[in-house]
């Protein structure tokens, strides 16, 4: 048993992509070696201009070490490979197939470490270019992943390539002609674009995503110099319209880089930790404890307007106790309770009112 994290490096060579692909693996405290129990795998997809060493940057590795010390993030294998400027997907001309490589790499981690490769044990984190890849990958194959946390992805706020404006070209559509021909086509192939655009995938695969129960986290700063907030807001609205549960954060006065990245990376990983804990409970099991009979009785009477005095000691239930969730839901009048578990059936969706 070890008391601190370990960083290991390696490389993978395969015809799916050109040349050797370097990778870094961060191992949690207490890692038992290849013979130990299989741990969840967190595939960390780096941003443009970066490489696998990003997870060894003090600000990033420090987040993992802090959250492991706190127990906010469970022990897991964190792996990052150098995806160059690939945008983490299969090029139109077939010369580089980074989307396929992601699955090959996941299998490689499962064979090299006690890492899980099943859909319930693989988590995705992506930043910037990595957010584009992680959202695209998880929305195409939602059964293959437990959760995806995507930071400041520069998604295009459009379904059709003809509707994308220069304001949102960024890394996706602002390359030299030869590169653009390889990746999207030059000019970009409209059908290929639609098949790989995050908003289209959210809409076209909505039923599959909902059924998979994939956990989704999307965030962006509202001062993003690449205008990532345009696409993040657009994607959020598509998910809302399609009834796909997700967490969305538009962060005030945050840019595409800078000091905010440290706490934003930490927040995203705290969210991943919460999703691991939630999924461990099982899909059909209530995550909330039961109140005592006295607490439930008091709250039910309070809803009916039958309580004249403050609760006694046995009846007291703090709003900060998870049992209050169960008690509150149970005590609701039927005409309120009928809507309690339909969080995405809002008043204004799809042009309809009061569904």
Protein backbone atom coordinates (compact mmCIF):
# COMPACT_ATOMS: atom_id res chain seq x y z
CA UNK A 1 0.00 0.00 0.00
CA UNK A 2 1.20 3.52 -0.76
CA UNK A 3 0.27 6.75 0.97
CA UNK A 4 0.71 9.12 -1.98
CA UNK A 5 -0.21 9.36 -5.63
CA UNK A 6 1.95 7.85 -8.32
CA UNK A 7 2.44 9.03 -11.90
CA UNK A 8 3.29 6.51 -14.59
CA UNK A 9 3.95 7.14 -18.27
CA UNK A 10 3.85 5.07 -21.42
CA UNK A 11 2.92 5.08 -25.08
CA UNK A 12 0.62 3.23 -27.45
CA UNK A 13 1.20 2.66 -31.15
CA UNK A 14 -1.68 1.72 -33.46
CA UNK A 15 -2.69 2.21 -37.07
CA UNK A 16 -5.76 4.19 -35.94
CA UNK A 17 -3.56 7.27 -35.53
CA UNK A 18 -0.13 8.35 -36.72
CA UNK A 19 2.91 7.69 -34.58
CA UNK A 20 3.25 6.77 -30.93
CA UNK A 21 0.68 8.23 -28.54
CA UNK A 22 2.16 9.16 -25.17
CA UNK A 23 0.07 8.90 -22.03
CA UNK A 24 0.23 9.63 -18.31
CA UNK A 25 -1.59 7.71 -15.59
CA UNK A 26 -2.19 9.11 -12.11
CA UNK A 27 -2.69 6.39 -9.51
CA UNK A 28 -4.53 7.13 -6.24
CA UNK A 29 -3.17 6.66 -2.71
CA UNK A 30 -3.45 3.05 -1.67
CA UNK A 31 -3.10 1.71 -5.19
CA UNK A 32 -2.39 -2.03 -4.88
CA UNK A 33 -0.90 -2.73 -8.28
CA UNK A 34 -2.22 -4.73 -11.25
CA UNK A 35 -3.50 -7.54 -9.03
CA UNK A 36 -5.76 -5.25 -6.98
CA UNK A 37 -9.48 -4.64 -7.26
CA UNK A 38 -10.58 -2.99 -10.52
CA UNK A 39 -11.10 0.75 -9.99
CA UNK A 40 -13.21 3.20 -11.98
CA UNK A 41 -11.35 4.73 -14.92
CA UNK A 42 -11.41 8.49 -15.45
CA UNK A 43 -10.33 9.38 -18.98
CA UNK A 44 -9.02 12.94 -18.82
CA UNK A 45 -9.21 14.53 -22.28
CA UNK A 46 -6.88 17.53 -22.52
CA UNK A 47 -7.38 20.79 -24.38
CA UNK A 48 -5.85 22.10 -27.59
CA UNK A 49 -2.15 22.90 -27.45
CA UNK A 50 -1.68 20.63 -24.43
CA UNK A 51 -0.68 17.00 -23.98
CA UNK A 52 -0.89 14.15 -21.51
CA UNK A 53 1.39 15.94 -19.05
CA UNK A 54 -1.49 18.25 -18.23
CA UNK A 55 -2.60 15.92 -15.43
CA UNK A 56 0.84 16.31 -13.86
CA UNK A 57 0.62 20.11 -13.77
CA UNK A 58 0.72 21.13 -10.08
CA UNK A 59 -2.68 22.85 -10.29
CA UNK A 60 -4.31 19.77 -11.83
CA UNK A 61 -2.53 16.98 -9.98
CA UNK A 62 -3.05 18.99 -6.82
CA UNK A 63 -6.83 18.88 -7.35
CA UNK A 64 -6.80 15.09 -7.59
CA UNK A 65 -4.60 14.74 -4.52
CA UNK A 66 -6.75 17.13 -2.50
CA UNK A 67 -10.02 15.42 -3.40
CA UNK A 68 -8.60 11.97 -2.72
CA UNK A 69 -7.40 13.15 0.71
CA UNK A 70 -10.87 14.52 1.46
CA UNK A 71 -12.66 11.45 0.12
CA UNK A 72 -14.61 13.72 -2.26
CA UNK A 73 -13.34 11.69 -5.20
CA UNK A 74 -13.15 7.90 -4.84
CA UNK A 75 -9.97 6.03 -5.75
CA UNK A 76 -9.82 5.75 -9.53
CA UNK A 77 -7.32 5.38 -12.34
CA UNK A 78 -6.88 8.79 -14.03
CA UNK A 79 -5.45 8.52 -17.54
CA UNK A 80 -4.67 11.12 -20.19
CA UNK A 81 -3.20 10.54 -23.65
CA UNK A 82 -1.70 13.13 -26.00
CA UNK A 83 -4.34 13.71 -28.67
CA UNK A 84 -2.41 16.53 -30.37
CA UNK A 85 -4.80 18.94 -32.15
CA UNK A 86 -7.14 16.17 -33.22
CA UNK A 87 -10.36 17.45 -31.62
CA UNK A 88 -10.58 13.84 -30.36
CA UNK A 89 -12.56 12.42 -33.28
CA UNK A 90 -12.34 10.41 -36.51
CA UNK A 91 -11.24 12.54 -39.45
CA UNK A 92 -13.44 12.65 -42.51
CA UNK A 93 -10.65 11.28 -44.75
CA UNK A 94 -10.00 8.38 -42.36
CA UNK A 95 -6.34 9.30 -41.86
CA UNK A 96 -6.71 9.69 -38.08
CA UNK A 97 -9.37 7.91 -36.01
CA UNK A 98 -9.11 9.37 -32.53
CA UNK A 99 -12.64 8.45 -31.52
CA UNK A 100 -11.86 4.77 -32.14
CA UNK A 101 -8.51 5.23 -30.42
CA UNK A 102 -10.29 6.34 -27.22
CA UNK A 103 -11.92 2.92 -26.90
CA UNK A 104 -8.65 1.14 -27.71
CA UNK A 105 -6.97 3.19 -24.98
CA UNK A 106 -9.70 2.34 -22.46
CA UNK A 107 -9.10 -1.36 -23.16
CA UNK A 108 -5.36 -0.81 -22.82
CA UNK A 109 -5.87 0.75 -19.38
CA UNK A 110 -8.08 -2.18 -18.32
CA UNK A 111 -5.33 -4.63 -19.30
CA UNK A 112 -2.44 -2.63 -17.85
CA UNK A 113 -4.08 -1.62 -14.54
CA UNK A 114 -7.03 -2.86 -12.52
CA UNK A 115 -9.24 -0.35 -14.35
CA UNK A 116 -12.84 -0.91 -15.33
CA UNK A 117 -13.77 -0.75 -19.01
CA UNK A 118 -17.53 -1.29 -18.65
CA UNK A 119 -20.06 1.50 -19.14
CA UNK A 120 -20.75 1.78 -15.42
CA UNK A 121 -17.09 2.26 -14.55
CA UNK A 122 -15.70 4.69 -17.14
CA UNK A 123 -15.94 8.44 -16.56
CA UNK A 124 -14.96 11.27 -18.91
CA UNK A 125 -13.53 14.68 -18.10
CA UNK A 126 -12.71 17.12 -20.88
CA UNK A 127 -11.49 20.69 -21.01
CA UNK A 128 -11.83 22.91 -24.11
CA UNK A 129 -10.88 20.63 -27.05
CA UNK A 130 -11.24 17.74 -24.63
CA UNK A 131 -14.78 18.87 -23.82
CA UNK A 132 -15.64 18.64 -27.52
CA UNK A 133 -14.31 15.08 -27.58
CA UNK A 134 -15.84 13.93 -24.31
CA UNK A 135 -19.33 15.24 -25.15
CA UNK A 136 -19.20 13.87 -28.69
CA UNK A 137 -17.99 10.48 -27.49
CA UNK A 138 -20.52 10.16 -24.66
CA UNK A 139 -23.46 11.40 -26.74
CA UNK A 140 -22.63 8.94 -29.51
CA UNK A 141 -22.11 6.02 -27.13
CA UNK A 142 -23.94 6.87 -23.89
CA UNK A 143 -24.04 3.23 -22.75
CA UNK A 144 -20.24 3.14 -22.70
CA UNK A 145 -19.82 5.79 -20.00
CA UNK A 146 -21.15 6.50 -16.52
CA UNK A 147 -20.71 10.29 -16.58
CA UNK A 148 -19.14 13.13 -18.53
CA UNK A 149 -17.91 16.45 -17.14
CA UNK A 150 -17.09 18.97 -19.86
CA UNK A 151 -15.51 22.38 -19.27
CA UNK A 152 -15.53 25.31 -21.71
CA UNK A 153 -16.12 23.27 -24.87
CA UNK A 154 -16.34 25.46 -27.96
CA UNK A 155 -19.43 23.74 -29.37
CA UNK A 156 -21.05 25.30 -32.41
CA UNK A 157 -24.44 26.88 -31.55
CA UNK A 158 -26.06 25.49 -34.71
CA UNK A 159 -27.37 22.28 -36.23
CA UNK A 160 -26.15 23.02 -39.77
CA UNK A 161 -22.68 24.06 -40.83
CA UNK A 162 -24.12 26.88 -42.94
CA UNK A 163 -25.49 28.52 -39.77
CA UNK A 164 -22.14 28.66 -37.96
CA UNK A 165 -20.74 32.20 -37.86
CA UNK A 166 -17.04 33.24 -37.73
CA UNK A 167 -17.58 34.23 -34.08
CA UNK A 168 -17.78 30.50 -33.28
CA UNK A 169 -15.22 29.01 -35.70
CA UNK A 170 -12.44 28.77 -33.08
CA UNK A 171 -10.36 25.56 -33.34
CA UNK A 172 -13.06 23.57 -35.12
CA UNK A 173 -13.37 25.51 -38.37
CA UNK A 174 -10.39 27.85 -38.42
CA UNK A 175 -7.61 25.60 -39.70
CA UNK A 176 -5.42 25.74 -42.81
CA UNK A 177 -7.16 24.34 -45.90
CA UNK A 178 -5.11 21.11 -45.98
CA UNK A 179 -5.95 20.30 -42.35
CA UNK A 180 -9.56 21.27 -42.83
CA UNK A 181 -9.80 18.93 -45.82
CA UNK A 182 -8.59 16.04 -43.65
CA UNK A 183 -10.81 16.71 -40.69
CA UNK A 184 -14.13 18.18 -41.88
CA UNK A 185 -13.66 18.52 -45.63
CA UNK A 186 -12.92 21.82 -47.35
CA UNK A 187 -15.45 23.29 -47.48
CA UNK A 188 -16.83 21.22 -44.57
CA UNK A 189 -19.05 18.30 -45.54
CA UNK A 190 -22.55 19.16 -44.22
CA UNK A 191 -23.56 15.53 -43.60
CA UNK A 192 -20.29 14.68 -41.86
CA UNK A 193 -20.67 17.81 -39.76
CA UNK A 194 -24.20 16.86 -38.68
CA UNK A 195 -23.06 13.34 -37.76
CA UNK A 196 -20.37 14.71 -35.42
CA UNK A 197 -21.82 17.96 -34.10
CA UNK A 198 -22.59 17.83 -30.36
CA UNK A 199 -25.97 19.59 -30.62
CA UNK A 200 -27.13 17.23 -33.37
CA UNK A 201 -26.02 14.22 -31.35
CA UNK A 202 -27.93 15.47 -28.30
CA UNK A 203 -31.09 15.87 -30.37
CA UNK A 204 -30.78 12.79 -32.59
CA UNK A 205 -29.67 10.40 -29.82
CA UNK A 206 -31.92 11.87 -27.12
CA UNK A 207 -33.86 8.68 -26.45
CA UNK A 208 -30.68 6.61 -26.16
CA UNK A 209 -29.06 9.19 -23.86
CA UNK A 210 -32.13 9.34 -21.60
CA UNK A 211 -32.34 5.56 -21.31
CA UNK A 212 -28.64 5.22 -20.55
CA UNK A 213 -28.90 7.54 -17.52
CA UNK A 214 -25.60 9.10 -18.51
CA UNK A 215 -24.70 11.85 -16.03
CA UNK A 216 -23.81 15.13 -17.77
CA UNK A 217 -22.04 18.28 -16.55
CA UNK A 218 -21.49 21.26 -18.85
CA UNK A 219 -19.95 24.60 -17.92
CA UNK A 220 -18.50 27.72 -19.49
CA UNK A 221 -17.38 31.17 -18.44
CA UNK A 222 -19.52 34.06 -19.69
CA UNK A 223 -16.40 36.03 -20.75
CA UNK A 224 -14.88 33.18 -22.76
CA UNK A 225 -12.58 34.70 -25.42
CA UNK A 226 -13.49 31.86 -27.83
CA UNK A 227 -17.20 32.42 -27.14
CA UNK A 228 -17.60 28.93 -25.71
CA UNK A 229 -20.60 30.21 -23.76
CA UNK A 230 -22.58 30.51 -27.02
CA UNK A 231 -22.37 26.78 -27.69
CA UNK A 232 -22.68 25.77 -24.03
CA UNK A 233 -25.96 27.69 -23.69
CA UNK A 234 -27.23 26.26 -26.98
CA UNK A 235 -26.36 22.72 -25.92
CA UNK A 236 -27.97 23.24 -22.51
CA UNK A 237 -31.22 24.32 -24.16
CA UNK A 238 -31.18 21.30 -26.50
CA UNK A 239 -30.73 18.96 -23.52
CA UNK A 240 -33.54 20.73 -21.66
CA UNK A 241 -35.87 20.53 -24.66
CA UNK A 242 -35.11 16.83 -25.06
CA UNK A 243 -35.74 16.07 -21.38
CA UNK A 244 -32.15 14.95 -20.78
CA UNK A 245 -31.09 15.48 -17.18
CA UNK A 246 -27.85 17.40 -16.79
CA UNK A 247 -26.03 20.02 -14.73
CA UNK A 248 -25.25 23.31 -16.45
CA UNK A 249 -23.18 26.22 -15.15
CA UNK A 250 -22.60 29.60 -16.78
CA UNK A 251 -19.87 31.16 -14.67
CA UNK A 252 -19.82 34.91 -14.31
CA UNK A 253 -16.68 36.81 -15.30
CA UNK A 254 -14.68 33.68 -16.19
CA UNK A 255 -12.60 33.38 -19.34
CA UNK A 256 -11.16 30.45 -21.31
CA UNK A 257 -8.03 30.41 -19.12
CA UNK A 258 -6.70 32.06 -16.03
CA UNK A 259 -6.97 31.56 -12.28
CA UNK A 260 -10.59 30.38 -12.41
CA UNK A 261 -9.55 27.13 -14.10
CA UNK A 262 -8.17 25.74 -10.87
CA UNK A 263 -11.42 25.92 -8.92
CA UNK A 264 -13.48 25.06 -11.97
CA UNK A 265 -11.50 21.85 -12.50
CA UNK A 266 -11.97 21.12 -8.80
CA UNK A 267 -15.74 21.73 -9.01
CA UNK A 268 -16.06 19.43 -12.03
CA UNK A 269 -14.24 16.63 -10.22
CA UNK A 270 -16.26 17.10 -7.04
CA UNK A 271 -19.30 16.62 -9.25
CA UNK A 272 -17.79 13.42 -10.66
CA UNK A 273 -17.25 12.20 -7.10
CA UNK A 274 -20.90 12.85 -6.28
CA UNK A 275 -22.01 10.97 -9.39
CA UNK A 276 -19.89 7.95 -8.44
CA UNK A 277 -21.51 7.93 -4.99
CA UNK A 278 -25.01 8.36 -6.43
CA UNK A 279 -24.58 5.58 -8.97
CA UNK A 280 -23.24 3.24 -6.28
CA UNK A 281 -26.68 3.35 -4.66
CA UNK A 282 -28.30 1.64 -7.63
CA UNK A 283 -30.84 3.00 -10.05
CA UNK A 284 -33.93 1.85 -8.20
CA UNK A 285 -32.89 2.65 -4.66
CA UNK A 286 -33.83 5.94 -3.04
CA UNK A 287 -30.68 7.87 -2.12
CA UNK A 288 -32.41 9.50 0.84
CA UNK A 289 -32.87 8.16 4.38
CA UNK A 290 -36.30 7.85 5.97
CA UNK A 291 -37.51 10.30 8.66
CA UNK A 292 -38.80 9.02 11.97
CA UNK A 293 -42.54 8.46 12.37
CA UNK A 294 -42.75 11.55 14.61
CA UNK A 295 -40.98 13.75 12.07
CA UNK A 296 -43.17 12.52 9.23
CA UNK A 297 -46.34 12.98 11.22
CA UNK A 298 -45.45 16.55 12.16
CA UNK A 299 -44.57 17.57 8.62
CA UNK A 300 -47.75 16.02 7.19
CA UNK A 301 -49.84 17.91 9.74
CA UNK A 302 -47.91 21.11 8.97
CA UNK A 303 -48.77 20.78 5.28
CA UNK A 304 -52.44 20.49 6.24
CA UNK A 305 -52.26 23.59 8.42
CA UNK A 306 -52.98 21.61 11.59
CA UNK A 307 -49.88 22.63 13.59
CA UNK A 308 -50.20 25.42 16.15
CA UNK A 309 -46.98 24.95 18.13
CA UNK A 310 -43.32 24.46 17.15
CA UNK A 311 -42.20 20.83 16.84
CA UNK A 312 -40.90 19.06 19.90
CA UNK A 313 -37.47 17.43 20.02
CA UNK A 314 -38.62 14.15 18.47
CA UNK A 315 -40.43 15.94 15.65
CA UNK A 316 -37.60 18.29 14.69
CA UNK A 317 -36.04 17.68 11.27
CA UNK A 318 -33.33 19.98 9.90
CA UNK A 319 -33.61 21.19 6.32
CA UNK A 320 -29.95 20.16 5.99
CA UNK A 321 -30.77 16.52 6.75
CA UNK A 322 -31.35 14.35 3.65
CA UNK A 323 -34.25 12.70 5.47
CA UNK A 324 -36.06 16.02 5.02
CA UNK A 325 -36.24 15.29 1.29
CA UNK A 326 -38.13 12.05 1.83
CA UNK A 327 -40.32 13.58 4.53
CA UNK A 328 -41.17 16.62 2.45
CA UNK A 329 -42.08 14.58 -0.63
CA UNK A 330 -44.21 12.17 1.38
CA UNK A 331 -46.09 14.98 3.11
CA UNK A 332 -46.92 16.88 -0.10
CA UNK A 333 -50.58 17.11 -1.10
CA UNK A 334 -51.33 14.94 -4.13
CA UNK A 335 -51.88 17.89 -6.43
CA UNK A 336 -48.28 19.01 -5.75
CA UNK A 337 -46.65 15.58 -5.41
CA UNK A 338 -47.76 14.55 -8.90
CA UNK A 339 -45.18 16.95 -10.36
CA UNK A 340 -42.36 16.27 -7.91
CA UNK A 341 -40.46 13.76 -10.05
CA UNK A 342 -40.79 15.50 -13.40
CA UNK A 343 -38.01 18.09 -13.14
CA UNK A 344 -37.65 18.58 -16.90
CA UNK A 345 -41.36 18.95 -17.65
CA UNK A 346 -41.20 22.72 -17.24
CA UNK A 347 -43.88 25.24 -18.16
CA UNK A 348 -42.21 26.52 -21.32
CA UNK A 349 -40.77 23.69 -23.40
CA UNK A 350 -41.25 22.81 -27.06
CA UNK A 351 -43.67 25.70 -27.42
CA UNK A 352 -46.16 24.09 -25.08
CA UNK A 353 -47.57 25.41 -21.81
CA UNK A 354 -48.46 23.54 -18.63
CA UNK A 355 -47.99 20.02 -19.86
